[in-house]
Amino acid sequence: MEVASGVQPALASRTLLLALVILVTAAAQSAVVPHLALFGARPDLPLLLTVMVGLLGGPIAGMSVGFAAGLLQGALDATSPGGAAAVFTLAGYLAGALRARLFFETWLVPAAVVGVFTLAVQGARGLLWRPEGWVWSALLATLAGGALYNAVLAVPAFALARRSRRLLPGAQPPG
């Protein structure tokens, strides 16, 4: 009984910590990221977090973070929170499913995965909720720039996430 009661508070504290990270990431996405735009491209911190958690924590952790991050980002962006949650949940699941099939010895793998996921998720969001006044050529340039931005940010994010993956509920070493 003592072991079971000791496990629950640890899981609850990890879950609360992850919820706090999701909130801080969403707040930074709304308050800081608009000022970091380069040639119209901006990073997508909630998506970056979702993919990192999926890669390190597996499909369930990726889905959970993706749902919460997508719902929050959709609400803050005044787009469709349910649609954003669905797209992010799928991205978190797929990133978690890739976890067993990828080698993580090099920083290039997570950077490439994040870049591809950024293209896919932002492309889906652009197709489903095309912002008013956007031209498709501008959307494609912004998608490519955002994917590159997130891929570059994935390198330090993956190093940080890898060191702190033991904080993820149910996380195990990748691969």
C-alpha atoms as a PDB file:
ATOM      1  CA  MET A   1       0.000   0.000   0.000  1.00  0.00           C
ATOM      2  CA  GLU A   2       2.792   2.412   0.780  1.00  0.00           C
ATOM      3  CA  VAL A   3       4.309   2.067  -2.676  1.00  0.00           C
ATOM      4  CA  ALA A   4       0.980   2.744  -4.382  1.00  0.00           C
ATOM      5  CA  SER A   5       0.299   5.817  -2.254  1.00  0.00           C
ATOM      6  CA  GLY A   6       3.811   7.141  -2.972  1.00  0.00           C
ATOM      7  CA  VAL A   7       3.327   6.727  -6.715  1.00  0.00           C
ATOM      8  CA  GLN A   8       0.121   8.780  -6.947  1.00  0.00           C
ATOM      9  CA  PRO A   9       1.528  12.047  -5.532  1.00  0.00           C
ATOM     10  CA  ALA A  10       4.564  11.784  -7.817  1.00  0.00           C
ATOM     11  CA  LEU A  11       2.329  11.262 -10.864  1.00  0.00           C
ATOM     12  CA  ALA A  12       0.067  14.122  -9.804  1.00  0.00           C
ATOM     13  CA  SER A  13       3.000  16.489  -9.337  1.00  0.00           C
ATOM     14  CA  ARG A  14       4.427  15.539 -12.753  1.00  0.00           C
ATOM     15  CA  THR A  15       1.053  16.098 -14.363  1.00  0.00           C
ATOM     16  CA  LEU A  16       0.694  19.497 -12.692  1.00  0.00           C
ATOM     17  CA  LEU A  17       4.200  20.456 -13.785  1.00  0.00           C
ATOM     18  CA  LEU A  18       3.405  19.463 -17.362  1.00  0.00           C
ATOM     19  CA  ALA A  19       0.158  21.470 -17.211  1.00  0.00           C
ATOM     20  CA  LEU A  20       2.157  24.481 -16.025  1.00  0.00           C
ATOM     21  CA  VAL A  21       4.613  24.040 -18.917  1.00  0.00           C
ATOM     22  CA  ILE A  22       1.672  23.917 -21.360  1.00  0.00           C
ATOM     23  CA  LEU A  23       0.230  27.132 -19.893  1.00  0.00           C
ATOM     24  CA  VAL A  24       3.593  28.940 -20.016  1.00  0.00           C
ATOM     25  CA  THR A  25       4.146  27.762 -23.587  1.00  0.00           C
ATOM     26  CA  ALA A  26       0.707  28.990 -24.671  1.00  0.00           C
ATOM     27  CA  ALA A  27       1.248  32.329 -22.920  1.00  0.00           C
ATOM     28  CA  ALA A  28       4.646  32.734 -24.598  1.00  0.00           C
ATOM     29  CA  GLN A  29       3.070  31.856 -27.950  1.00  0.00           C
ATOM     30  CA  SER A  30       0.528  34.643 -27.527  1.00  0.00           C
ATOM     31  CA  ALA A  31       2.694  37.295 -25.874  1.00  0.00           C
ATOM     32  CA  VAL A  32       6.276  36.766 -27.058  1.00  0.00           C
ATOM     33  CA  VAL A  33       6.242  34.857 -30.346  1.00  0.00           C
ATOM     34  CA  PRO A  34       4.527  37.607 -32.398  1.00  0.00           C
ATOM     35  CA  HIS A  35       7.617  39.732 -31.725  1.00  0.00           C
ATOM     36  CA  LEU A  36       9.945  36.976 -32.948  1.00  0.00           C
ATOM     37  CA  ALA A  37       8.640  36.853 -36.507  1.00  0.00           C
ATOM     38  CA  LEU A  38      11.303  36.589 -39.207  1.00  0.00           C
ATOM     39  CA  PHE A  39      10.072  37.314 -42.744  1.00  0.00           C
ATOM     40  CA  GLY A  40       6.532  36.489 -41.637  1.00  0.00           C
ATOM     41  CA  ALA A  41       7.480  33.136 -40.102  1.00  0.00           C
ATOM     42  CA  ARG A  42       6.965  32.429 -36.432  1.00  0.00           C
ATOM     43  CA  PRO A  43       7.713  29.431 -34.276  1.00  0.00           C
ATOM     44  CA  ASP A  44       4.846  27.348 -32.938  1.00  0.00           C
ATOM     45  CA  LEU A  45       5.832  26.622 -29.336  1.00  0.00           C
ATOM     46  CA  PRO A  46       2.773  24.518 -28.371  1.00  0.00           C
ATOM     47  CA  LEU A  47       3.344  22.302 -31.406  1.00  0.00           C
ATOM     48  CA  LEU A  48       7.045  22.043 -30.598  1.00  0.00           C
ATOM     49  CA  LEU A  49       6.131  20.989 -27.040  1.00  0.00           C
ATOM     50  CA  THR A  50       3.578  18.474 -28.331  1.00  0.00           C
ATOM     51  CA  VAL A  51       6.039  16.802 -30.693  1.00  0.00           C
ATOM     52  CA  MET A  52       8.839  16.741 -28.081  1.00  0.00           C
ATOM     53  CA  VAL A  53       6.547  15.138 -25.492  1.00  0.00           C
ATOM     54  CA  GLY A  54       5.330  12.627 -28.078  1.00  0.00           C
ATOM     55  CA  LEU A  55       8.869  11.711 -29.097  1.00  0.00           C
ATOM     56  CA  LEU A  56      10.024  11.291 -25.514  1.00  0.00           C
ATOM     57  CA  GLY A  57       6.881  10.177 -23.702  1.00  0.00           C
ATOM     58  CA  GLY A  58       5.068   8.093 -26.289  1.00  0.00           C
ATOM     59  CA  PRO A  59       1.689   8.337 -28.000  1.00  0.00           C
ATOM     60  CA  ILE A  60      -0.494   8.764 -24.897  1.00  0.00           C
ATOM     61  CA  ALA A  61       1.635  11.564 -23.455  1.00  0.00           C
ATOM     62  CA  GLY A  62       1.852  13.209 -26.894  1.00  0.00           C
ATOM     63  CA  MET A  63      -1.905  13.005 -27.387  1.00  0.00           C
ATOM     64  CA  SER A  64      -2.611  14.416 -23.944  1.00  0.00           C
ATOM     65  CA  VAL A  65      -0.279  17.371 -24.366  1.00  0.00           C
ATOM     66  CA  GLY A  66      -1.440  17.885 -27.949  1.00  0.00           C
ATOM     67  CA  PHE A  67      -5.082  18.029 -26.896  1.00  0.00           C
ATOM     68  CA  ALA A  68      -4.449  20.506 -24.074  1.00  0.00           C
ATOM     69  CA  ALA A  69      -2.011  22.652 -26.064  1.00  0.00           C
ATOM     70  CA  GLY A  70      -4.224  22.699 -29.157  1.00  0.00           C
ATOM     71  CA  LEU A  71      -7.332  23.553 -27.178  1.00  0.00           C
ATOM     72  CA  LEU A  72      -5.555  26.363 -25.372  1.00  0.00           C
ATOM     73  CA  GLN A  73      -3.843  27.725 -28.481  1.00  0.00           C
ATOM     74  CA  GLY A  74      -7.088  27.598 -30.477  1.00  0.00           C
ATOM     75  CA  ALA A  75      -8.867  29.525 -27.741  1.00  0.00           C
ATOM     76  CA  LEU A  76      -6.099  32.122 -27.481  1.00  0.00           C
ATOM     77  CA  ASP A  77      -5.867  32.524 -31.277  1.00  0.00           C
ATOM     78  CA  ALA A  78      -9.660  32.892 -31.514  1.00  0.00           C
ATOM     79  CA  THR A  79      -9.738  30.112 -34.106  1.00  0.00           C
ATOM     80  CA  SER A  80     -11.490  26.788 -33.683  1.00  0.00           C
ATOM     81  CA  PRO A  81     -10.273  25.384 -30.329  1.00  0.00           C
ATOM     82  CA  GLY A  82     -11.781  21.975 -31.060  1.00  0.00           C
ATOM     83  CA  GLY A  83     -10.192  21.771 -34.478  1.00  0.00           C
ATOM     84  CA  ALA A  84      -6.794  22.870 -33.183  1.00  0.00           C
ATOM     85  CA  ALA A  85      -7.079  20.334 -30.370  1.00  0.00           C
ATOM     86  CA  ALA A  86      -7.886  17.580 -32.869  1.00  0.00           C
ATOM     87  CA  VAL A  87      -4.953  18.439 -35.143  1.00  0.00           C
ATOM     88  CA  PHE A  88      -2.507  18.742 -32.228  1.00  0.00           C
ATOM     89  CA  THR A  89      -3.804  15.504 -30.656  1.00  0.00           C
ATOM     90  CA  LEU A  90      -3.156  13.645 -33.902  1.00  0.00           C
ATOM     91  CA  ALA A  91       0.319  15.209 -34.159  1.00  0.00           C
ATOM     92  CA  GLY A  92       1.126  14.168 -30.574  1.00  0.00           C
ATOM     93  CA  TYR A  93      -0.037  10.622 -31.235  1.00  0.00           C
ATOM     94  CA  LEU A  94       1.937  10.298 -34.471  1.00  0.00           C
ATOM     95  CA  ALA A  95       5.086  11.751 -32.883  1.00  0.00           C
ATOM     96  CA  GLY A  96       4.705   9.243 -30.050  1.00  0.00           C
ATOM     97  CA  ALA A  97       4.210   6.404 -32.532  1.00  0.00           C
ATOM     98  CA  LEU A  98       7.449   7.402 -34.280  1.00  0.00           C
ATOM     99  CA  ARG A  99       9.299   7.203 -30.983  1.00  0.00           C
ATOM    100  CA  ALA A 100       9.952   3.466 -31.286  1.00  0.00           C
ATOM    101  CA  ARG A 101      11.052   3.722 -34.922  1.00  0.00           C
ATOM    102  CA  LEU A 102      13.628   6.506 -34.743  1.00  0.00           C
ATOM    103  CA  PHE A 103      17.191   6.741 -33.539  1.00  0.00           C
ATOM    104  CA  PHE A 104      17.858   9.698 -31.257  1.00  0.00           C
ATOM    105  CA  GLU A 105      21.652   9.663 -31.210  1.00  0.00           C
ATOM    106  CA  THR A 106      21.810  12.812 -33.313  1.00  0.00           C
ATOM    107  CA  TRP A 107      20.039  16.166 -32.996  1.00  0.00           C
ATOM    108  CA  LEU A 108      19.112  16.018 -36.689  1.00  0.00           C
ATOM    109  CA  VAL A 109      16.318  13.459 -36.213  1.00  0.00           C
ATOM    110  CA  PRO A 110      14.138  15.449 -33.793  1.00  0.00           C
ATOM    111  CA  ALA A 111      14.810  18.648 -35.777  1.00  0.00           C
ATOM    112  CA  ALA A 112      13.646  16.965 -38.997  1.00  0.00           C
ATOM    113  CA  VAL A 113      10.606  15.419 -37.293  1.00  0.00           C
ATOM    114  CA  VAL A 114       9.584  18.778 -35.827  1.00  0.00           C
ATOM    115  CA  GLY A 115      10.042  20.470 -39.206  1.00  0.00           C
ATOM    116  CA  VAL A 116       7.875  17.909 -40.987  1.00  0.00           C
ATOM    117  CA  PHE A 117       5.210  18.019 -38.267  1.00  0.00           C
ATOM    118  CA  THR A 118       5.170  21.818 -38.395  1.00  0.00           C
ATOM    119  CA  LEU A 119       4.577  21.728 -42.146  1.00  0.00           C
ATOM    120  CA  ALA A 120       1.801  19.169 -41.752  1.00  0.00           C
ATOM    121  CA  VAL A 121       0.015  20.756 -38.786  1.00  0.00           C
ATOM    122  CA  GLN A 122       0.302  24.345 -39.958  1.00  0.00           C
ATOM    123  CA  GLY A 123      -0.670  23.253 -43.467  1.00  0.00           C
ATOM    124  CA  ALA A 124      -3.773  21.514 -42.104  1.00  0.00           C
ATOM    125  CA  ARG A 125      -4.632  24.544 -39.991  1.00  0.00           C
ATOM    126  CA  GLY A 126      -4.110  26.820 -42.996  1.00  0.00           C
ATOM    127  CA  LEU A 127      -6.373  24.684 -45.164  1.00  0.00           C
ATOM    128  CA  LEU A 128      -9.073  24.297 -42.538  1.00  0.00           C
ATOM    129  CA  TRP A 129      -9.033  27.818 -41.075  1.00  0.00           C
ATOM    130  CA  ARG A 130      -7.514  29.936 -43.800  1.00  0.00           C
ATOM    131  CA  PRO A 131      -6.984  33.392 -42.312  1.00  0.00           C
ATOM    132  CA  GLU A 132      -8.839  36.112 -44.135  1.00  0.00           C
ATOM    133  CA  GLY A 133      -6.781  37.875 -46.754  1.00  0.00           C
ATOM    134  CA  TRP A 134      -4.018  35.280 -46.985  1.00  0.00           C
ATOM    135  CA  VAL A 135      -2.632  34.444 -50.382  1.00  0.00           C
ATOM    136  CA  TRP A 136      -1.592  30.815 -50.916  1.00  0.00           C
ATOM    137  CA  SER A 137       1.927  31.728 -52.019  1.00  0.00           C
ATOM    138  CA  ALA A 138       2.383  33.748 -48.813  1.00  0.00           C
ATOM    139  CA  LEU A 139       0.947  30.857 -46.808  1.00  0.00           C
ATOM    140  CA  LEU A 140       3.461  28.437 -48.349  1.00  0.00           C
ATOM    141  CA  ALA A 141       6.383  30.770 -47.623  1.00  0.00           C
ATOM    142  CA  THR A 142       5.176  31.210 -44.042  1.00  0.00           C
ATOM    143  CA  LEU A 143       4.784  27.436 -43.652  1.00  0.00           C
ATOM    144  CA  ALA A 144       8.310  26.779 -44.863  1.00  0.00           C
ATOM    145  CA  GLY A 145       9.725  29.516 -42.640  1.00  0.00           C
ATOM    146  CA  GLY A 146       7.762  28.277 -39.622  1.00  0.00           C
ATOM    147  CA  ALA A 147       8.951  24.710 -40.213  1.00  0.00           C
ATOM    148  CA  LEU A 148      12.554  25.886 -40.392  1.00  0.00           C
ATOM    149  CA  TYR A 149      12.100  28.074 -37.297  1.00  0.00           C
ATOM    150  CA  ASN A 150      10.649  25.167 -35.292  1.00  0.00           C
ATOM    151  CA  ALA A 151      13.323  22.763 -36.573  1.00  0.00           C
ATOM    152  CA  VAL A 152      16.061  25.100 -35.347  1.00  0.00           C
ATOM    153  CA  LEU A 153      14.328  25.529 -31.972  1.00  0.00           C
ATOM    154  CA  ALA A 154      13.926  21.744 -31.739  1.00  0.00           C
ATOM    155  CA  VAL A 155      17.651  21.276 -31.180  1.00  0.00           C
ATOM    156  CA  PRO A 156      17.847  23.032 -27.774  1.00  0.00           C
ATOM    157  CA  ALA A 157      14.272  21.977 -26.944  1.00  0.00           C
ATOM    158  CA  PHE A 158      15.099  18.313 -27.484  1.00  0.00           C
ATOM    159  CA  ALA A 159      18.257  18.591 -25.366  1.00  0.00           C
ATOM    160  CA  LEU A 160      16.245  20.174 -22.546  1.00  0.00           C
ATOM    161  CA  ALA A 161      13.343  17.753 -22.908  1.00  0.00           C
ATOM    162  CA  ARG A 162      15.646  14.741 -22.995  1.00  0.00           C
ATOM    163  CA  ARG A 163      17.232  15.800 -19.707  1.00  0.00           C
ATOM    164  CA  SER A 164      13.877  16.357 -18.061  1.00  0.00           C
ATOM    165  CA  ARG A 165      11.925  13.449 -19.607  1.00  0.00           C
ATOM    166  CA  ARG A 166      11.789  11.680 -16.255  1.00  0.00           C
ATOM    167  CA  LEU A 167       9.315  14.410 -15.290  1.00  0.00           C
ATOM    168  CA  LEU A 168       6.843  13.184 -17.923  1.00  0.00           C
ATOM    169  CA  PRO A 169       4.067  10.978 -16.568  1.00  0.00           C
ATOM    170  CA  GLY A 170       4.940   7.442 -17.684  1.00  0.00           C
ATOM    171  CA  ALA A 171       7.982   8.465 -19.723  1.00  0.00           C
ATOM    172  CA  GLN A 172      10.717   6.024 -20.601  1.00  0.00           C
ATOM    173  CA  PRO A 173      13.957   6.466 -22.551  1.00  0.00           C
ATOM    174  CA  PRO A 174      13.378   6.688 -26.334  1.00  0.00           C
ATOM    175  CA  GLY A 175      14.042   3.866 -28.738  1.00  0.00           C
END
